[in-house]
PDB file of N, CA and C in Angstrom:
ATOM      1  N   MET A   1      25.477   9.577   4.872  1.00  0.00           N
ATOM      2  CA  MET A   1      26.341   9.812   6.018  1.00  0.00           C
ATOM      3  C   MET A   1      25.520   9.641   7.306  1.00  0.00           C
ATOM      4  N   VAL A   2      26.057   8.894   8.242  1.00  0.00           N
ATOM      5  CA  VAL A   2      25.452   8.720   9.560  1.00  0.00           C
ATOM      6  C   VAL A   2      26.541   8.983  10.589  1.00  0.00           C
ATOM      7  N   ASN A   3      26.339   9.989  11.415  1.00  0.00           N
ATOM      8  CA  ASN A   3      27.353  10.381  12.405  1.00  0.00           C
ATOM      9  C   ASN A   3      28.728  10.552  11.772  1.00  0.00           C
ATOM     10  N   GLY A   4      28.750  11.133  10.576  1.00  0.00           N
ATOM     11  CA  GLY A   4      30.007  11.403   9.891  1.00  0.00           C
ATOM     12  C   GLY A   4      30.633  10.201   9.202  1.00  0.00           C
ATOM     13  N   LYS A   5      29.950   9.078   9.162  1.00  0.00           N
ATOM     14  CA  LYS A   5      30.468   7.857   8.527  1.00  0.00           C
ATOM     15  C   LYS A   5      29.623   7.533   7.298  1.00  0.00           C
ATOM     16  N   LYS A   6      30.291   7.145   6.205  1.00  0.00           N
ATOM     17  CA  LYS A   6      29.589   6.794   4.974  1.00  0.00           C
ATOM     18  C   LYS A   6      28.947   5.416   5.106  1.00  0.00           C
ATOM     19  N   ILE A   7      27.632   5.359   4.926  1.00  0.00           N
ATOM     20  CA  ILE A   7      26.901   4.095   4.941  1.00  0.00           C
ATOM     21  C   ILE A   7      26.320   3.893   3.540  1.00  0.00           C
ATOM     22  N   PHE A   8      26.764   2.852   2.884  1.00  0.00           N
ATOM     23  CA  PHE A   8      26.288   2.532   1.540  1.00  0.00           C
ATOM     24  C   PHE A   8      24.980   1.755   1.643  1.00  0.00           C
ATOM     25  N   TYR A   9      24.073   1.988   0.703  1.00  0.00           N
ATOM     26  CA  TYR A   9      22.849   1.198   0.651  1.00  0.00           C
ATOM     27  C   TYR A   9      22.373   1.081  -0.790  1.00  0.00           C
ATOM     28  N   ARG A  10      21.654   0.002  -1.043  1.00  0.00           N
ATOM     29  CA  ARG A  10      21.016  -0.198  -2.337  1.00  0.00           C
ATOM     30  C   ARG A  10      19.539   0.122  -2.143  1.00  0.00           C
ATOM     31  N   GLU A  11      18.964   0.774  -3.126  1.00  0.00           N
ATOM     32  CA  GLU A  11      17.571   1.197  -3.022  1.00  0.00           C
ATOM     33  C   GLU A  11      16.876   0.961  -4.359  1.00  0.00           C
ATOM     34  N   ALA A  12      15.630   0.505  -4.299  1.00  0.00           N
ATOM     35  CA  ALA A  12      14.854   0.274  -5.511  1.00  0.00           C
ATOM     36  C   ALA A  12      13.373   0.432  -5.184  1.00  0.00           C
ATOM     37  N   GLY A  13      12.580   0.678  -6.201  1.00  0.00           N
ATOM     38  CA  GLY A  13      11.144   0.833  -6.031  1.00  0.00           C
ATOM     39  C   GLY A  13      10.764   2.270  -5.715  1.00  0.00           C
ATOM     40  N   ALA A  14       9.506   2.579  -5.930  1.00  0.00           N
ATOM     41  CA  ALA A  14       8.994   3.930  -5.705  1.00  0.00           C
ATOM     42  C   ALA A  14       8.927   4.245  -4.210  1.00  0.00           C
ATOM     43  N   GLN A  15       9.381   5.440  -3.853  1.00  0.00           N
ATOM     44  CA  GLN A  15       9.444   5.824  -2.436  1.00  0.00           C
ATOM     45  C   GLN A  15       8.079   5.978  -1.788  1.00  0.00           C
ATOM     46  N   HIS A  16       7.026   6.145  -2.560  1.00  0.00           N
ATOM     47  CA  HIS A  16       5.695   6.295  -1.964  1.00  0.00           C
ATOM     48  C   HIS A  16       5.088   4.951  -1.557  1.00  0.00           C
ATOM     49  N   LYS A  17       5.706   3.852  -1.968  1.00  0.00           N
ATOM     50  CA  LYS A  17       5.211   2.520  -1.603  1.00  0.00           C
ATOM     51  C   LYS A  17       5.726   2.118  -0.226  1.00  0.00           C
ATOM     52  N   GLN A  18       5.130   1.101   0.360  1.00  0.00           N
ATOM     53  CA  GLN A  18       5.572   0.590   1.659  1.00  0.00           C
ATOM     54  C   GLN A  18       7.039   0.179   1.562  1.00  0.00           C
ATOM     55  N   THR A  19       7.810   0.514   2.584  1.00  0.00           N
ATOM     56  CA  THR A  19       9.258   0.258   2.569  1.00  0.00           C
ATOM     57  C   THR A  19       9.603  -1.032   3.295  1.00  0.00           C
ATOM     58  N   ILE A  20      10.484  -1.787   2.678  1.00  0.00           N
ATOM     59  CA  ILE A  20      11.058  -2.983   3.296  1.00  0.00           C
ATOM     60  C   ILE A  20      12.554  -2.734   3.423  1.00  0.00           C
ATOM     61  N   VAL A  21      13.091  -2.954   4.621  1.00  0.00           N
ATOM     62  CA  VAL A  21      14.530  -2.824   4.851  1.00  0.00           C
ATOM     63  C   VAL A  21      15.109  -4.230   4.970  1.00  0.00           C
ATOM     64  N   LEU A  22      16.039  -4.558   4.101  1.00  0.00           N
ATOM     65  CA  LEU A  22      16.665  -5.878   4.087  1.00  0.00           C
ATOM     66  C   LEU A  22      18.000  -5.803   4.826  1.00  0.00           C
ATOM     67  N   LEU A  23      18.061  -6.436   5.973  1.00  0.00           N
ATOM     68  CA  LEU A  23      19.299  -6.481   6.751  1.00  0.00           C
ATOM     69  C   LEU A  23      19.983  -7.817   6.513  1.00  0.00           C
ATOM     70  N   HIS A  24      21.275  -7.825   6.575  1.00  0.00           N
ATOM     71  CA  HIS A  24      22.052  -9.038   6.299  1.00  0.00           C
ATOM     72  C   HIS A  24      22.931  -9.357   7.502  1.00  0.00           C
ATOM     73  N   GLY A  25      23.571 -10.495   7.442  1.00  0.00           N
ATOM     74  CA  GLY A  25      24.477 -10.898   8.514  1.00  0.00           C
ATOM     75  C   GLY A  25      25.914 -10.562   8.184  1.00  0.00           C
ATOM     76  N   TYR A  26      26.680 -10.233   9.176  1.00  0.00           N
ATOM     77  CA  TYR A  26      28.091  -9.930   9.014  1.00  0.00           C
ATOM     78  C   TYR A  26      28.826 -11.196   8.633  1.00  0.00           C
ATOM     79  N   PRO A  27      29.773 -11.237   7.752  1.00  0.00           N
ATOM     80  CA  PRO A  27      30.406 -10.130   7.053  1.00  0.00           C
ATOM     81  C   PRO A  27      29.895  -9.936   5.631  1.00  0.00           C
ATOM     82  N   SER A  28      28.667 -10.334   5.338  1.00  0.00           N
ATOM     83  CA  SER A  28      28.154 -10.140   3.984  1.00  0.00           C
ATOM     84  C   SER A  28      27.756  -8.682   3.757  1.00  0.00           C
ATOM     85  N   SER A  29      27.176  -8.390   2.619  1.00  0.00           N
ATOM     86  CA  SER A  29      26.783  -7.015   2.314  1.00  0.00           C
ATOM     87  C   SER A  29      25.447  -7.022   1.598  1.00  0.00           C
ATOM     88  N   SER A  30      24.968  -5.839   1.266  1.00  0.00           N
ATOM     89  CA  SER A  30      23.710  -5.713   0.536  1.00  0.00           C
ATOM     90  C   SER A  30      23.776  -6.425  -0.815  1.00  0.00           C
ATOM     91  N   HIS A  31      24.977  -6.674  -1.287  1.00  0.00           N
ATOM     92  CA  HIS A  31      25.168  -7.383  -2.556  1.00  0.00           C
ATOM     93  C   HIS A  31      24.504  -8.755  -2.529  1.00  0.00           C
ATOM     94  N   SER A  32      24.377  -9.345  -1.346  1.00  0.00           N
ATOM     95  CA  SER A  32      23.756 -10.666  -1.241  1.00  0.00           C
ATOM     96  C   SER A  32      22.277 -10.637  -1.641  1.00  0.00           C
ATOM     97  N   TYR A  33      21.676  -9.447  -1.687  1.00  0.00           N
ATOM     98  CA  TYR A  33      20.281  -9.297  -2.087  1.00  0.00           C
ATOM     99  C   TYR A  33      20.124  -8.856  -3.542  1.00  0.00           C
ATOM    100  N   ARG A  34      21.171  -8.868  -4.323  1.00  0.00           N
ATOM    101  CA  ARG A  34      21.163  -8.316  -5.681  1.00  0.00           C
ATOM    102  C   ARG A  34      20.098  -8.949  -6.579  1.00  0.00           C
ATOM    103  N   GLU A  35      19.751 -10.209  -6.366  1.00  0.00           N
ATOM    104  CA  GLU A  35      18.731 -10.851  -7.192  1.00  0.00           C
ATOM    105  C   GLU A  35      17.341 -10.752  -6.572  1.00  0.00           C
ATOM    106  N   PHE A  36      17.271 -10.526  -5.272  1.00  0.00           N
ATOM    107  CA  PHE A  36      16.004 -10.453  -4.553  1.00  0.00           C
ATOM    108  C   PHE A  36      15.366  -9.065  -4.652  1.00  0.00           C
ATOM    109  N   ILE A  37      16.189  -8.019  -4.638  1.00  0.00           N
ATOM    110  CA  ILE A  37      15.691  -6.641  -4.666  1.00  0.00           C
ATOM    111  C   ILE A  37      14.804  -6.384  -5.887  1.00  0.00           C
ATOM    112  N   PRO A  38      15.197  -6.775  -7.098  1.00  0.00           N
ATOM    113  CA  PRO A  38      14.320  -6.524  -8.254  1.00  0.00           C
ATOM    114  C   PRO A  38      12.960  -7.220  -8.154  1.00  0.00           C
ATOM    115  N   LEU A  39      12.918  -8.364  -7.495  1.00  0.00           N
ATOM    116  CA  LEU A  39      11.650  -9.080  -7.346  1.00  0.00           C
ATOM    117  C   LEU A  39      10.679  -8.323  -6.441  1.00  0.00           C
ATOM    118  N   LEU A  40      11.202  -7.603  -5.463  1.00  0.00           N
ATOM    119  CA  LEU A  40      10.362  -6.854  -4.525  1.00  0.00           C
ATOM    120  C   LEU A  40      10.068  -5.435  -4.989  1.00  0.00           C
ATOM    121  N   SER A  41      10.933  -4.874  -5.803  1.00  0.00           N
ATOM    122  CA  SER A  41      10.863  -3.442  -6.115  1.00  0.00           C
ATOM    123  C   SER A  41       9.639  -3.027  -6.933  1.00  0.00           C
ATOM    124  N   GLY A  42       8.970  -3.957  -7.588  1.00  0.00           N
ATOM    125  CA  GLY A  42       7.752  -3.605  -8.308  1.00  0.00           C
ATOM    126  C   GLY A  42       6.595  -3.297  -7.379  1.00  0.00           C
ATOM    127  N   ARG A  43       6.635  -3.871  -6.191  1.00  0.00           N
ATOM    128  CA  ARG A  43       5.534  -3.715  -5.225  1.00  0.00           C
ATOM    129  C   ARG A  43       5.920  -2.888  -4.005  1.00  0.00           C
ATOM    130  N   TYR A  44       7.214  -2.839  -3.672  1.00  0.00           N
ATOM    131  CA  TYR A  44       7.685  -2.167  -2.459  1.00  0.00           C
ATOM    132  C   TYR A  44       8.834  -1.210  -2.756  1.00  0.00           C
ATOM    133  N   HIS A  45       9.068  -0.329  -1.839  1.00  0.00           N
ATOM    134  CA  HIS A  45      10.282   0.490  -1.809  1.00  0.00           C
ATOM    135  C   HIS A  45      11.274  -0.314  -0.976  1.00  0.00           C
ATOM    136  N   VAL A  46      12.393  -0.682  -1.527  1.00  0.00           N
ATOM    137  CA  VAL A  46      13.340  -1.592  -0.878  1.00  0.00           C
ATOM    138  C   VAL A  46      14.649  -0.862  -0.575  1.00  0.00           C
ATOM    139  N   ILE A  47      15.127  -1.026   0.654  1.00  0.00           N
ATOM    140  CA  ILE A  47      16.422  -0.475   1.062  1.00  0.00           C
ATOM    141  C   ILE A  47      17.232  -1.613   1.673  1.00  0.00           C
ATOM    142  N   ALA A  48      18.468  -1.765   1.218  1.00  0.00           N
ATOM    143  CA  ALA A  48      19.369  -2.790   1.751  1.00  0.00           C
ATOM    144  C   ALA A  48      20.695  -2.122   2.102  1.00  0.00           C
ATOM    145  N   PRO A  49      20.902  -1.768   3.380  1.00  0.00           N
ATOM    146  CA  PRO A  49      22.138  -1.090   3.765  1.00  0.00           C
ATOM    147  C   PRO A  49      23.283  -2.065   4.036  1.00  0.00           C
ATOM    148  N   ASP A  50      24.491  -1.560   3.847  1.00  0.00           N
ATOM    149  CA  ASP A  50      25.688  -2.280   4.303  1.00  0.00           C
ATOM    150  C   ASP A  50      26.004  -1.757   5.700  1.00  0.00           C
ATOM    151  N   TYR A  51      26.365  -2.622   6.607  1.00  0.00           N
ATOM    152  CA  TYR A  51      26.767  -2.189   7.946  1.00  0.00           C
ATOM    153  C   TYR A  51      28.089  -1.437   7.875  1.00  0.00           C
ATOM    154  N   LEU A  52      28.338  -0.624   8.857  1.00  0.00           N
ATOM    155  CA  LEU A  52      29.619   0.051   8.986  1.00  0.00           C
ATOM    156  C   LEU A  52      30.715  -1.012   9.020  1.00  0.00           C
ATOM    157  N   GLY A  53      31.702  -0.886   8.156  1.00  0.00           N
ATOM    158  CA  GLY A  53      32.785  -1.866   8.087  1.00  0.00           C
ATOM    159  C   GLY A  53      32.505  -3.026   7.155  1.00  0.00           C
ATOM    160  N   SER A  54      31.363  -3.004   6.466  1.00  0.00           N
ATOM    161  CA  SER A  54      30.983  -4.103   5.584  1.00  0.00           C
ATOM    162  C   SER A  54      30.611  -3.558   4.208  1.00  0.00           C
ATOM    163  N   GLY A  55      30.811  -4.354   3.179  1.00  0.00           N
ATOM    164  CA  GLY A  55      30.435  -3.944   1.833  1.00  0.00           C
ATOM    165  C   GLY A  55      31.130  -2.661   1.417  1.00  0.00           C
ATOM    166  N   TYR A  56      30.356  -1.706   0.897  1.00  0.00           N
ATOM    167  CA  TYR A  56      30.907  -0.428   0.433  1.00  0.00           C
ATOM    168  C   TYR A  56      30.829   0.672   1.486  1.00  0.00           C
ATOM    169  N   SER A  57      30.378   0.349   2.699  1.00  0.00           N
ATOM    170  CA  SER A  57      30.343   1.363   3.771  1.00  0.00           C
ATOM    171  C   SER A  57      31.753   1.636   4.276  1.00  0.00           C
ATOM    172  N   ALA A  58      31.881   2.742   5.004  1.00  0.00           N
ATOM    173  CA  ALA A  58      33.188   3.121   5.562  1.00  0.00           C
ATOM    174  C   ALA A  58      33.716   2.038   6.496  1.00  0.00           C
ATOM    175  N   ARG A  59      35.039   1.977   6.589  1.00  0.00           N
ATOM    176  CA  ARG A  59      35.709   1.007   7.470  1.00  0.00           C
ATOM    177  C   ARG A  59      36.638   1.746   8.436  1.00  0.00           C
ATOM    178  N   PRO A  60      36.062   2.381   9.441  1.00  0.00           N
ATOM    179  CA  PRO A  60      36.907   3.095  10.408  1.00  0.00           C
ATOM    180  C   PRO A  60      37.826   2.130  11.156  1.00  0.00           C
ATOM    181  N   ASN A  61      38.913   2.648  11.628  1.00  0.00           N
ATOM    182  CA  ASN A  61      39.877   1.864  12.394  1.00  0.00           C
ATOM    183  C   ASN A  61      39.206   1.310  13.657  1.00  0.00           C
ATOM    184  N   PRO A  62      39.298   0.007  13.915  1.00  0.00           N
ATOM    185  CA  PRO A  62      38.681  -0.594  15.096  1.00  0.00           C
ATOM    186  C   PRO A  62      39.239  -0.032  16.428  1.00  0.00           C
ATOM    187  N   LYS A  63      40.409   0.583  16.359  1.00  0.00           N
ATOM    188  CA  LYS A  63      40.971   1.186  17.577  1.00  0.00           C
ATOM    189  C   LYS A  63      40.223   2.454  17.959  1.00  0.00           C
ATOM    190  N   THR A  64      39.564   3.082  16.984  1.00  0.00           N
ATOM    191  CA  THR A  64      38.858   4.323  17.261  1.00  0.00           C
ATOM    192  C   THR A  64      37.338   4.192  17.101  1.00  0.00           C
ATOM    193  N   GLN A  65      36.876   3.080  16.528  1.00  0.00           N
ATOM    194  CA  GLN A  65      35.438   2.864  16.308  1.00  0.00           C
ATOM    195  C   GLN A  65      35.025   1.532  16.884  1.00  0.00           C
ATOM    196  N   LYS A  66      34.060   1.541  17.798  1.00  0.00           N
ATOM    197  CA  LYS A  66      33.544   0.288  18.349  1.00  0.00           C
ATOM    198  C   LYS A  66      32.511  -0.278  17.358  1.00  0.00           C
ATOM    199  N   TYR A  67      32.719  -1.498  16.916  1.00  0.00           N
ATOM    200  CA  TYR A  67      31.810  -2.151  15.976  1.00  0.00           C
ATOM    201  C   TYR A  67      30.799  -2.979  16.757  1.00  0.00           C
ATOM    202  N   THR A  68      29.518  -2.688  16.552  1.00  0.00           N
ATOM    203  CA  THR A  68      28.442  -3.452  17.176  1.00  0.00           C
ATOM    204  C   THR A  68      27.303  -3.584  16.178  1.00  0.00           C
ATOM    205  N   PHE A  69      26.429  -4.518  16.425  1.00  0.00           N
ATOM    206  CA  PHE A  69      25.215  -4.649  15.616  1.00  0.00           C
ATOM    207  C   PHE A  69      24.079  -4.005  16.362  1.00  0.00           C
TER     208      PHE A  69
END
């Protein structure tokens, strides 16, 4: 949860390792990294979030939520 909104993310690898955050372009989702994450997770802690309104994250009404990157 971020500011009361559900943000979905995929995570792999040990948390004590250096972290890599994989960001994607709208309107794709963290799913686009599904084959890449396992390749990195042996050496890094990997996090791939979905943006608000994308993938499995919450989709608030655009009339009440300003969408920005």
